[in-house]
Amino acid sequence: MTKNVGGIDKILRIVVGIALIVWALAGGPVWAWIGLLPLATGLMGWCPAYKLIGANTCPLRK
């Protein structure tokens, strides 16, 4: 699995994921548990949806 999530994208995924999970734990709707997906992809640095569409936000290495 080549990393395809980088920089600001990674930070936003982690923040949004944590926010949704906290909302679910605080009594929010069941669908808020979807926050596990952006949190996991942000922590791993790899997104299967990006792989399917050929996107990559990870900076190029020299």
PDB file of N, CA and C in Angstrom:
ATOM      1  N   MET A   1       0.838  -1.176   0.000  1.00  0.00           N
ATOM      2  CA  MET A   1       0.000   0.000   0.000  1.00  0.00           C
ATOM      3  C   MET A   1       0.891   1.251   0.000  1.00  0.00           C
ATOM      4  N   THR A   2       0.951   1.910  -1.125  1.00  0.00           N
ATOM      5  CA  THR A   2       1.705   3.143  -1.245  1.00  0.00           C
ATOM      6  C   THR A   2       0.885   4.284  -0.654  1.00  0.00           C
ATOM      7  N   LYS A   3       1.514   5.116   0.138  1.00  0.00           N
ATOM      8  CA  LYS A   3       0.802   6.230   0.752  1.00  0.00           C
ATOM      9  C   LYS A   3       0.298   7.175  -0.321  1.00  0.00           C
ATOM     10  N   ASN A   4      -0.980   7.581  -0.205  1.00  0.00           N
ATOM     11  CA  ASN A   4      -1.559   8.519  -1.157  1.00  0.00           C
ATOM     12  C   ASN A   4      -2.312   9.656  -0.467  1.00  0.00           C
ATOM     13  N   VAL A   5      -2.170   9.767   0.841  1.00  0.00           N
ATOM     14  CA  VAL A   5      -2.789  10.846   1.613  1.00  0.00           C
ATOM     15  C   VAL A   5      -1.679  11.585   2.332  1.00  0.00           C
ATOM     16  N   GLY A   6      -1.606  12.875   2.127  1.00  0.00           N
ATOM     17  CA  GLY A   6      -0.530  13.608   2.768  1.00  0.00           C
ATOM     18  C   GLY A   6      -0.932  14.994   3.227  1.00  0.00           C
ATOM     19  N   GLY A   7      -0.104  15.574   4.050  1.00  0.00           N
ATOM     20  CA  GLY A   7      -0.220  16.963   4.483  1.00  0.00           C
ATOM     21  C   GLY A   7      -1.539  17.343   5.113  1.00  0.00           C
ATOM     22  N   ILE A   8      -2.116  18.406   4.571  1.00  0.00           N
ATOM     23  CA  ILE A   8      -3.353  18.968   5.119  1.00  0.00           C
ATOM     24  C   ILE A   8      -4.489  17.956   5.032  1.00  0.00           C
ATOM     25  N   ASP A   9      -4.527  17.183   3.966  1.00  0.00           N
ATOM     26  CA  ASP A   9      -5.555  16.154   3.792  1.00  0.00           C
ATOM     27  C   ASP A   9      -5.552  15.185   4.974  1.00  0.00           C
ATOM     28  N   LYS A  10      -4.374  14.772   5.376  1.00  0.00           N
ATOM     29  CA  LYS A  10      -4.222  13.833   6.490  1.00  0.00           C
ATOM     30  C   LYS A  10      -4.735  14.455   7.796  1.00  0.00           C
ATOM     31  N   ILE A  11      -4.343  15.694   8.060  1.00  0.00           N
ATOM     32  CA  ILE A  11      -4.757  16.383   9.287  1.00  0.00           C
ATOM     33  C   ILE A  11      -6.267  16.562   9.319  1.00  0.00           C
ATOM     34  N   LEU A  12      -6.854  16.989   8.190  1.00  0.00           N
ATOM     35  CA  LEU A  12      -8.304  17.182   8.132  1.00  0.00           C
ATOM     36  C   LEU A  12      -9.063  15.874   8.360  1.00  0.00           C
ATOM     37  N   ARG A  13      -8.574  14.791   7.780  1.00  0.00           N
ATOM     38  CA  ARG A  13      -9.227  13.492   7.976  1.00  0.00           C
ATOM     39  C   ARG A  13      -9.218  13.084   9.455  1.00  0.00           C
ATOM     40  N   ILE A  14      -8.097  13.283  10.121  1.00  0.00           N
ATOM     41  CA  ILE A  14      -7.987  12.907  11.534  1.00  0.00           C
ATOM     42  C   ILE A  14      -8.907  13.771  12.392  1.00  0.00           C
ATOM     43  N   VAL A  15      -8.909  15.078  12.155  1.00  0.00           N
ATOM     44  CA  VAL A  15      -9.741  15.996  12.943  1.00  0.00           C
ATOM     45  C   VAL A  15     -11.226  15.712  12.733  1.00  0.00           C
ATOM     46  N   VAL A  16     -11.639  15.554  11.479  1.00  0.00           N
ATOM     47  CA  VAL A  16     -13.045  15.270  11.181  1.00  0.00           C
ATOM     48  C   VAL A  16     -13.449  13.913  11.754  1.00  0.00           C
ATOM     49  N   GLY A  17     -12.580  12.924  11.625  1.00  0.00           N
ATOM     50  CA  GLY A  17     -12.874  11.593  12.175  1.00  0.00           C
ATOM     51  C   GLY A  17     -13.072  11.624  13.675  1.00  0.00           C
ATOM     52  N   ILE A  18     -12.177  12.307  14.385  1.00  0.00           N
ATOM     53  CA  ILE A  18     -12.298  12.411  15.844  1.00  0.00           C
ATOM     54  C   ILE A  18     -13.565  13.166  16.222  1.00  0.00           C
ATOM     55  N   ALA A  19     -13.856  14.254  15.508  1.00  0.00           N
ATOM     56  CA  ALA A  19     -15.054  15.046  15.806  1.00  0.00           C
ATOM     57  C   ALA A  19     -16.324  14.211  15.647  1.00  0.00           C
ATOM     58  N   LEU A  20     -16.407  13.428  14.581  1.00  0.00           N
ATOM     59  CA  LEU A  20     -17.591  12.591  14.364  1.00  0.00           C
ATOM     60  C   LEU A  20     -17.716  11.499  15.424  1.00  0.00           C
ATOM     61  N   ILE A  21     -16.605  10.905  15.809  1.00  0.00           N
ATOM     62  CA  ILE A  21     -16.644   9.855  16.832  1.00  0.00           C
ATOM     63  C   ILE A  21     -17.066  10.436  18.181  1.00  0.00           C
ATOM     64  N   VAL A  22     -16.538  11.599  18.527  1.00  0.00           N
ATOM     65  CA  VAL A  22     -16.933  12.254  19.780  1.00  0.00           C
ATOM     66  C   VAL A  22     -18.422  12.571  19.759  1.00  0.00           C
ATOM     67  N   TRP A  23     -18.911  13.037  18.617  1.00  0.00           N
ATOM     68  CA  TRP A  23     -20.345  13.331  18.475  1.00  0.00           C
ATOM     69  C   TRP A  23     -21.173  12.064  18.676  1.00  0.00           C
ATOM     70  N   ALA A  24     -20.735  10.954  18.097  1.00  0.00           N
ATOM     71  CA  ALA A  24     -21.453   9.682  18.255  1.00  0.00           C
ATOM     72  C   ALA A  24     -21.446   9.241  19.713  1.00  0.00           C
ATOM     73  N   LEU A  25     -20.305   9.396  20.382  1.00  0.00           N
ATOM     74  CA  LEU A  25     -20.215   9.000  21.792  1.00  0.00           C
ATOM     75  C   LEU A  25     -21.060   9.890  22.696  1.00  0.00           C
ATOM     76  N   ALA A  26     -21.266  11.134  22.266  1.00  0.00           N
ATOM     77  CA  ALA A  26     -22.041  12.084  23.067  1.00  0.00           C
ATOM     78  C   ALA A  26     -23.536  11.957  22.816  1.00  0.00           C
ATOM     79  N   GLY A  27     -23.940  10.951  22.088  1.00  0.00           N
ATOM     80  CA  GLY A  27     -25.362  10.729  21.861  1.00  0.00           C
ATOM     81  C   GLY A  27     -25.839  11.171  20.492  1.00  0.00           C
ATOM     82  N   GLY A  28     -24.931  11.427  19.597  1.00  0.00           N
ATOM     83  CA  GLY A  28     -25.298  11.824  18.239  1.00  0.00           C
ATOM     84  C   GLY A  28     -25.897  10.659  17.472  1.00  0.00           C
ATOM     85  N   PRO A  29     -26.194  10.885  16.209  1.00  0.00           N
ATOM     86  CA  PRO A  29     -26.803   9.825  15.393  1.00  0.00           C
ATOM     87  C   PRO A  29     -25.832   8.664  15.139  1.00  0.00           C
ATOM     88  N   VAL A  30     -26.391   7.526  14.848  1.00  0.00           N
ATOM     89  CA  VAL A  30     -25.590   6.322  14.618  1.00  0.00           C
ATOM     90  C   VAL A  30     -24.642   6.507  13.438  1.00  0.00           C
ATOM     91  N   TRP A  31     -25.075   7.255  12.414  1.00  0.00           N
ATOM     92  CA  TRP A  31     -24.235   7.430  11.238  1.00  0.00           C
ATOM     93  C   TRP A  31     -22.950   8.197  11.537  1.00  0.00           C
ATOM     94  N   ALA A  32     -22.855   8.843  12.688  1.00  0.00           N
ATOM     95  CA  ALA A  32     -21.647   9.589  13.043  1.00  0.00           C
ATOM     96  C   ALA A  32     -20.452   8.653  13.243  1.00  0.00           C
ATOM     97  N   TRP A  33     -20.714   7.365  13.425  1.00  0.00           N
ATOM     98  CA  TRP A  33     -19.611   6.402  13.556  1.00  0.00           C
ATOM     99  C   TRP A  33     -18.837   6.254  12.251  1.00  0.00           C
ATOM    100  N   ILE A  34     -19.355   6.843  11.170  1.00  0.00           N
ATOM    101  CA  ILE A  34     -18.622   6.842   9.905  1.00  0.00           C
ATOM    102  C   ILE A  34     -17.288   7.565  10.077  1.00  0.00           C
ATOM    103  N   GLY A  35     -17.138   8.309  11.158  1.00  0.00           N
ATOM    104  CA  GLY A  35     -15.889   8.998  11.469  1.00  0.00           C
ATOM    105  C   GLY A  35     -14.709   8.055  11.617  1.00  0.00           C
ATOM    106  N   LEU A  36     -14.983   6.774  11.819  1.00  0.00           N
ATOM    107  CA  LEU A  36     -13.897   5.797  11.890  1.00  0.00           C
ATOM    108  C   LEU A  36     -13.139   5.705  10.562  1.00  0.00           C
ATOM    109  N   LEU A  37     -13.841   5.902   9.453  1.00  0.00           N
ATOM    110  CA  LEU A  37     -13.194   5.791   8.142  1.00  0.00           C
ATOM    111  C   LEU A  37     -12.185   6.912   7.883  1.00  0.00           C
ATOM    112  N   PRO A  38     -12.562   8.187   8.016  1.00  0.00           N
ATOM    113  CA  PRO A  38     -11.544   9.209   7.788  1.00  0.00           C
ATOM    114  C   PRO A  38     -10.415   9.155   8.813  1.00  0.00           C
ATOM    115  N   LEU A  39     -10.732   8.762  10.047  1.00  0.00           N
ATOM    116  CA  LEU A  39      -9.687   8.640  11.064  1.00  0.00           C
ATOM    117  C   LEU A  39      -8.687   7.553  10.662  1.00  0.00           C
ATOM    118  N   ALA A  40      -9.177   6.409  10.237  1.00  0.00           N
ATOM    119  CA  ALA A  40      -8.294   5.303   9.848  1.00  0.00           C
ATOM    120  C   ALA A  40      -7.461   5.659   8.620  1.00  0.00           C
ATOM    121  N   THR A  41      -8.090   6.260   7.611  1.00  0.00           N
ATOM    122  CA  THR A  41      -7.330   6.600   6.408  1.00  0.00           C
ATOM    123  C   THR A  41      -6.315   7.706   6.688  1.00  0.00           C
ATOM    124  N   GLY A  42      -6.652   8.615   7.584  1.00  0.00           N
ATOM    125  CA  GLY A  42      -5.701   9.656   7.953  1.00  0.00           C
ATOM    126  C   GLY A  42      -4.514   9.104   8.712  1.00  0.00           C
ATOM    127  N   LEU A  43      -4.757   8.172   9.605  1.00  0.00           N
ATOM    128  CA  LEU A  43      -3.668   7.581  10.388  1.00  0.00           C
ATOM    129  C   LEU A  43      -2.789   6.653   9.537  1.00  0.00           C
ATOM    130  N   MET A  44      -3.405   5.937   8.605  1.00  0.00           N
ATOM    131  CA  MET A  44      -2.640   5.026   7.751  1.00  0.00           C
ATOM    132  C   MET A  44      -1.936   5.758   6.622  1.00  0.00           C
ATOM    133  N   GLY A  45      -2.498   6.881   6.184  1.00  0.00           N
ATOM    134  CA  GLY A  45      -1.923   7.605   5.064  1.00  0.00           C
ATOM    135  C   GLY A  45      -2.269   6.995   3.715  1.00  0.00           C
ATOM    136  N   TRP A  46      -3.276   6.139   3.688  1.00  0.00           N
ATOM    137  CA  TRP A  46      -3.682   5.463   2.460  1.00  0.00           C
ATOM    138  C   TRP A  46      -5.199   5.423   2.368  1.00  0.00           C
ATOM    139  N   CYS A  47      -5.734   5.816   1.230  1.00  0.00           N
ATOM    140  CA  CYS A  47      -7.180   5.837   1.029  1.00  0.00           C
ATOM    141  C   CYS A  47      -7.527   4.969  -0.182  1.00  0.00           C
ATOM    142  N   PRO A  48      -8.361   3.939   0.017  1.00  0.00           N
ATOM    143  CA  PRO A  48      -8.722   3.077  -1.107  1.00  0.00           C
ATOM    144  C   PRO A  48      -9.512   3.821  -2.184  1.00  0.00           C
ATOM    145  N   ALA A  49     -10.307   4.817  -1.816  1.00  0.00           N
ATOM    146  CA  ALA A  49     -11.053   5.586  -2.814  1.00  0.00           C
ATOM    147  C   ALA A  49     -10.096   6.381  -3.696  1.00  0.00           C
ATOM    148  N   TYR A  50      -9.058   6.950  -3.115  1.00  0.00           N
ATOM    149  CA  TYR A  50      -8.043   7.660  -3.898  1.00  0.00           C
ATOM    150  C   TYR A  50      -7.376   6.707  -4.878  1.00  0.00           C
ATOM    151  N   LYS A  51      -7.128   5.493  -4.454  1.00  0.00           N
ATOM    152  CA  LYS A  51      -6.503   4.484  -5.315  1.00  0.00           C
ATOM    153  C   LYS A  51      -7.391   4.208  -6.534  1.00  0.00           C
ATOM    154  N   LEU A  52      -8.711   4.103  -6.297  1.00  0.00           N
ATOM    155  CA  LEU A  52      -9.642   3.811  -7.386  1.00  0.00           C
ATOM    156  C   LEU A  52      -9.699   4.928  -8.422  1.00  0.00           C
ATOM    157  N   ILE A  53      -9.652   6.183  -7.968  1.00  0.00           N
ATOM    158  CA  ILE A  53      -9.773   7.297  -8.903  1.00  0.00           C
ATOM    159  C   ILE A  53      -8.420   7.854  -9.344  1.00  0.00           C
ATOM    160  N   GLY A  54      -7.337   7.310  -8.799  1.00  0.00           N
ATOM    161  CA  GLY A  54      -6.005   7.735  -9.201  1.00  0.00           C
ATOM    162  C   GLY A  54      -5.527   9.029  -8.564  1.00  0.00           C
ATOM    163  N   ALA A  55      -6.139   9.427  -7.463  1.00  0.00           N
ATOM    164  CA  ALA A  55      -5.746  10.660  -6.790  1.00  0.00           C
ATOM    165  C   ALA A  55      -4.576  10.411  -5.856  1.00  0.00           C
ATOM    166  N   ASN A  56      -3.820  11.475  -5.559  1.00  0.00           N
ATOM    167  CA  ASN A  56      -2.696  11.371  -4.651  1.00  0.00           C
ATOM    168  C   ASN A  56      -2.393  12.762  -4.107  1.00  0.00           C
ATOM    169  N   THR A  57      -2.481  12.951  -2.783  1.00  0.00           N
ATOM    170  CA  THR A  57      -2.174  14.235  -2.171  1.00  0.00           C
ATOM    171  C   THR A  57      -0.850  14.182  -1.419  1.00  0.00           C
ATOM    172  N   CYS A  58      -0.166  13.058  -1.513  1.00  0.00           N
ATOM    173  CA  CYS A  58       1.119  12.893  -0.852  1.00  0.00           C
ATOM    174  C   CYS A  58       2.190  13.579  -1.708  1.00  0.00           C
ATOM    175  N   PRO A  59       3.078  14.365  -1.076  1.00  0.00           N
ATOM    176  CA  PRO A  59       4.101  15.058  -1.868  1.00  0.00           C
ATOM    177  C   PRO A  59       5.077  14.062  -2.510  1.00  0.00           C
ATOM    178  N   LEU A  60       5.612  14.453  -3.644  1.00  0.00           N
ATOM    179  CA  LEU A  60       6.571  13.607  -4.351  1.00  0.00           C
ATOM    180  C   LEU A  60       7.891  13.565  -3.600  1.00  0.00           C
ATOM    181  N   ARG A  61       8.505  12.398  -3.571  1.00  0.00           N
ATOM    182  CA  ARG A  61       9.819  12.240  -2.908  1.00  0.00           C
ATOM    183  C   ARG A  61      10.905  12.302  -3.961  1.00  0.00           C
ATOM    184  N   LYS A  62      11.977  12.993  -3.629  1.00  0.00           N
ATOM    185  CA  LYS A  62      13.093  13.099  -4.576  1.00  0.00           C
ATOM    186  C   LYS A  62      14.156  12.077  -4.260  1.00  0.00           C
TER     187      LYS A  62
END
